[in-house]
């Protein structure tokens, strides 16, 4: 296979830059439209009620998630929040409903929690569930994220990064991008810096495209 010429490389870079600009525009538009989410409706405040006004509940057939303690509880808690929001479940019923759908080790754990502390509040339930079944290292989530480095493919690194990222807390978009690029390591991280991505989604997309080019 013939080596690419300078003209070929210039055309490839031009195409990639146009694609990146388009992605950045789409991400900005989506971020402006997407509201922030919080666990359990009790944490949403009065804005939740004002949004629906006097409109009657619209019930849909949704299946409540199950949790057996063998995976990261963040996904289960997020599914709970979505279900409670969609089905208009009252705050005082949410912990009962979530605990009813615990299985295996998670169910036995909750029985012990009730015996020791009675039925916890929604916030306490999520905190206790994360402490019991979350990642082993939780004392410094930001440091753990920054210590995450690419050792294989970009896709593998992205999966590890996204698994750690939700536990860090609120970060500026620029900080998210910097943390992701730092873990990619040179020379790939330097190549992405030249494109100056404005969002984490765009930075991840550029990294995967550059990996394919290489």
Protein backbone atom coordinates (compact mmCIF):
# COMPACT_ATOMS: atom_id res chain seq x y z
CA UNK A 1 0.00 0.00 0.00
CA UNK A 2 1.43 3.40 -1.05
CA UNK A 3 2.40 5.91 1.60
CA UNK A 4 -0.07 8.85 1.84
CA UNK A 5 1.10 12.06 0.23
CA UNK A 6 1.15 15.47 1.87
CA UNK A 7 -1.98 16.37 -0.06
CA UNK A 8 -3.73 13.24 1.20
CA UNK A 9 -2.85 14.08 4.80
CA UNK A 10 -3.97 17.68 4.41
CA UNK A 11 -7.31 16.52 3.00
CA UNK A 12 -7.73 14.04 5.88
CA UNK A 13 -7.02 16.74 8.47
CA UNK A 14 -9.45 19.13 6.79
CA UNK A 15 -12.20 16.50 6.81
CA UNK A 16 -11.52 15.65 10.46
CA UNK A 17 -11.59 19.31 11.49
CA UNK A 18 -14.94 19.86 9.77
CA UNK A 19 -16.37 16.79 11.49
CA UNK A 20 -15.11 17.98 14.88
CA UNK A 21 -16.64 21.46 14.42
CA UNK A 22 -19.97 19.88 13.57
CA UNK A 23 -19.79 17.62 16.65
CA UNK A 24 -19.00 20.53 18.93
CA UNK A 25 -22.02 22.44 17.67
CA UNK A 26 -24.30 19.45 18.24
CA UNK A 27 -22.98 18.86 21.77
CA UNK A 28 -23.47 22.51 22.77
CA UNK A 29 -27.05 22.41 21.51
CA UNK A 30 -27.78 19.19 23.42
CA UNK A 31 -26.25 20.49 26.64
CA UNK A 32 -28.42 23.59 26.51
CA UNK A 33 -31.56 21.50 26.17
CA UNK A 34 -30.80 18.76 28.74
CA UNK A 35 -31.83 19.44 32.38
CA UNK A 36 -29.79 18.22 35.32
CA UNK A 37 -30.99 15.12 37.21
CA UNK A 38 -30.94 14.29 40.92
CA UNK A 39 -31.60 11.10 42.87
CA UNK A 40 -35.12 10.68 44.31
CA UNK A 41 -37.90 13.18 43.64
CA UNK A 42 -37.57 14.59 47.13
CA UNK A 43 -34.34 16.31 45.99
CA UNK A 44 -35.93 17.99 42.97
CA UNK A 45 -37.64 20.75 44.97
CA UNK A 46 -40.70 22.75 44.00
CA UNK A 47 -39.55 23.02 40.38
CA UNK A 48 -40.71 19.46 39.78
CA UNK A 49 -44.29 20.33 40.73
CA UNK A 50 -44.32 23.56 38.74
CA UNK A 51 -43.13 21.78 35.63
CA UNK A 52 -46.18 19.51 35.56
CA UNK A 53 -48.70 21.96 37.00
CA UNK A 54 -52.21 20.55 37.18
CA UNK A 55 -51.62 18.03 34.40
CA UNK A 56 -52.72 14.55 35.58
CA UNK A 57 -50.09 11.78 35.80
CA UNK A 58 -49.39 9.92 32.60
CA UNK A 59 -48.55 6.33 33.51
CA UNK A 60 -46.55 4.12 31.19
CA UNK A 61 -45.64 0.47 31.48
CA UNK A 62 -42.08 0.60 32.80
CA UNK A 63 -40.22 -2.24 34.48
CA UNK A 64 -38.58 -1.37 37.77
CA UNK A 65 -34.88 -2.33 37.82
CA UNK A 66 -33.46 -5.07 40.03
CA UNK A 67 -30.19 -4.90 41.96
CA UNK A 68 -28.32 -7.88 43.42
CA UNK A 69 -25.15 -6.15 44.60
CA UNK A 70 -22.90 -7.51 41.84
CA UNK A 71 -22.54 -4.27 39.85
CA UNK A 72 -22.04 -0.56 40.47
CA UNK A 73 -25.17 0.75 42.24
CA UNK A 74 -25.07 4.09 40.39
CA UNK A 75 -26.86 2.59 37.40
CA UNK A 76 -29.59 1.13 39.64
CA UNK A 77 -30.08 4.45 41.46
CA UNK A 78 -30.31 6.32 38.17
CA UNK A 79 -32.96 3.89 36.90
CA UNK A 80 -34.87 4.36 40.16
CA UNK A 81 -34.85 8.13 39.73
CA UNK A 82 -36.12 7.87 36.16
CA UNK A 83 -38.90 5.50 37.22
CA UNK A 84 -39.97 7.67 40.17
CA UNK A 85 -40.03 10.78 38.01
CA UNK A 86 -42.00 9.20 35.18
CA UNK A 87 -44.53 7.41 37.42
CA UNK A 88 -44.88 10.29 39.93
CA UNK A 89 -44.00 8.09 42.91
CA UNK A 90 -44.40 9.95 46.21
CA UNK A 91 -41.16 10.60 48.13
CA UNK A 92 -42.28 8.58 51.16
CA UNK A 93 -42.80 5.48 48.98
CA UNK A 94 -39.55 5.60 47.01
CA UNK A 95 -37.21 3.83 49.45
CA UNK A 96 -39.80 1.12 50.05
CA UNK A 97 -40.16 0.54 46.30
CA UNK A 98 -36.40 0.54 45.71
CA UNK A 99 -35.74 -1.87 48.59
CA UNK A 100 -38.50 -4.20 47.35
CA UNK A 101 -36.49 -4.67 44.16
CA UNK A 102 -33.25 -5.60 45.88
CA UNK A 103 -32.15 -9.21 45.43
CA UNK A 104 -29.59 -11.69 46.78
CA UNK A 105 -26.79 -9.99 48.79
CA UNK A 106 -28.34 -6.55 48.35
CA UNK A 107 -31.61 -7.71 49.91
CA UNK A 108 -29.84 -9.31 52.88
CA UNK A 109 -27.84 -6.10 53.33
CA UNK A 110 -31.01 -3.99 53.48
CA UNK A 111 -32.57 -6.29 56.08
CA UNK A 112 -29.55 -5.61 58.28
CA UNK A 113 -29.82 -1.85 57.65
CA UNK A 114 -33.45 -1.87 58.78
CA UNK A 115 -32.55 -3.80 61.91
CA UNK A 116 -29.73 -1.39 62.77
CA UNK A 117 -31.13 1.99 61.66
CA UNK A 118 -34.78 1.49 60.69
CA UNK A 119 -35.84 2.43 57.14
CA UNK A 120 -33.48 5.17 55.87
CA UNK A 121 -34.46 8.30 53.95
CA UNK A 122 -33.95 8.49 50.19
CA UNK A 123 -30.62 10.32 50.51
CA UNK A 124 -29.36 7.96 53.21
CA UNK A 125 -30.44 4.94 51.18
CA UNK A 126 -28.39 6.01 48.17
CA UNK A 127 -25.37 6.85 50.34
CA UNK A 128 -25.48 3.53 52.21
CA UNK A 129 -25.98 1.55 49.00
CA UNK A 130 -22.98 3.25 47.41
CA UNK A 131 -20.81 2.66 50.47
CA UNK A 132 -21.69 -1.03 50.57
CA UNK A 133 -21.66 -1.96 46.88
CA UNK A 134 -19.75 0.87 45.19
CA UNK A 135 -16.09 0.71 44.09
CA UNK A 136 -13.64 -0.37 46.78
CA UNK A 137 -11.57 2.83 46.65
CA UNK A 138 -13.84 5.79 47.42
CA UNK A 139 -11.83 8.10 49.69
CA UNK A 140 -10.41 10.17 46.80
CA UNK A 141 -12.60 9.78 43.69
CA UNK A 142 -10.97 12.71 41.86
CA UNK A 143 -7.50 11.31 42.46
CA UNK A 144 -8.68 7.91 41.29
CA UNK A 145 -10.00 9.46 38.10
CA UNK A 146 -6.76 11.33 37.44
CA UNK A 147 -4.78 8.13 38.04
CA UNK A 148 -6.74 6.34 35.31
CA UNK A 149 -4.43 5.97 32.28
CA UNK A 150 -4.82 4.41 28.85
CA UNK A 151 -3.01 1.10 28.65
CA UNK A 152 -4.85 -0.41 25.68
CA UNK A 153 -7.39 0.88 23.22
CA UNK A 154 -9.13 4.24 23.49
CA UNK A 155 -12.48 2.44 23.87
CA UNK A 156 -11.21 0.51 26.92
CA UNK A 157 -9.83 3.67 28.50
CA UNK A 158 -13.07 5.56 27.80
CA UNK A 159 -15.10 2.83 29.53
CA UNK A 160 -12.91 2.98 32.65
CA UNK A 161 -13.00 6.78 32.67
CA UNK A 162 -16.80 6.89 32.36
CA UNK A 163 -17.17 4.35 35.19
CA UNK A 164 -15.17 6.56 37.57
CA UNK A 165 -16.40 9.93 36.37
CA UNK A 166 -19.93 9.97 37.95
CA UNK A 167 -18.45 9.64 41.46
CA UNK A 168 -16.19 12.68 41.20
CA UNK A 169 -18.93 15.29 41.51
CA UNK A 170 -19.37 18.54 39.62
CA UNK A 171 -16.54 19.55 37.29
CA UNK A 172 -16.32 22.26 34.69
CA UNK A 173 -16.45 21.01 31.11
CA UNK A 174 -12.87 22.18 30.54
CA UNK A 175 -11.74 20.16 33.58
CA UNK A 176 -13.47 17.06 32.25
CA UNK A 177 -11.70 17.43 28.91
CA UNK A 178 -8.32 17.98 30.58
CA UNK A 179 -8.71 14.95 32.83
CA UNK A 180 -9.62 12.73 29.88
CA UNK A 181 -6.76 13.99 27.68
CA UNK A 182 -4.22 13.60 30.48
CA UNK A 183 -5.07 9.93 30.84
CA UNK A 184 -4.61 9.27 27.12
CA UNK A 185 -0.87 9.99 27.45
CA UNK A 186 1.39 11.39 24.68
CA UNK A 187 1.52 11.45 21.75
CA UNK A 188 -2.25 10.96 21.41
CA UNK A 189 -3.08 13.49 24.11
CA UNK A 190 -0.92 16.11 22.36
CA UNK A 191 -2.65 15.46 19.04
CA UNK A 192 -6.05 16.04 20.64
CA UNK A 193 -4.90 19.26 22.31
CA UNK A 194 -4.18 20.68 18.86
CA UNK A 195 -7.89 20.33 18.01
CA UNK A 196 -8.88 22.20 21.21
CA UNK A 197 -12.05 20.20 21.94
CA UNK A 198 -14.66 22.17 23.91
CA UNK A 199 -16.48 19.20 25.45
CA UNK A 200 -15.73 15.73 26.79
CA UNK A 201 -17.89 14.06 24.13
CA UNK A 202 -15.96 15.75 21.33
CA UNK A 203 -12.60 14.89 22.94
CA UNK A 204 -13.60 11.21 23.13
CA UNK A 205 -14.72 11.22 19.51
CA UNK A 206 -11.46 12.82 18.32
CA UNK A 207 -9.41 10.29 20.30
CA UNK A 208 -11.17 7.35 18.66
CA UNK A 209 -10.85 8.86 15.18
CA UNK A 210 -7.15 9.57 15.64
CA UNK A 211 -6.63 6.02 16.90
CA UNK A 212 -8.24 4.68 13.72
CA UNK A 213 -6.01 6.90 11.57
CA UNK A 214 -2.92 5.54 13.29
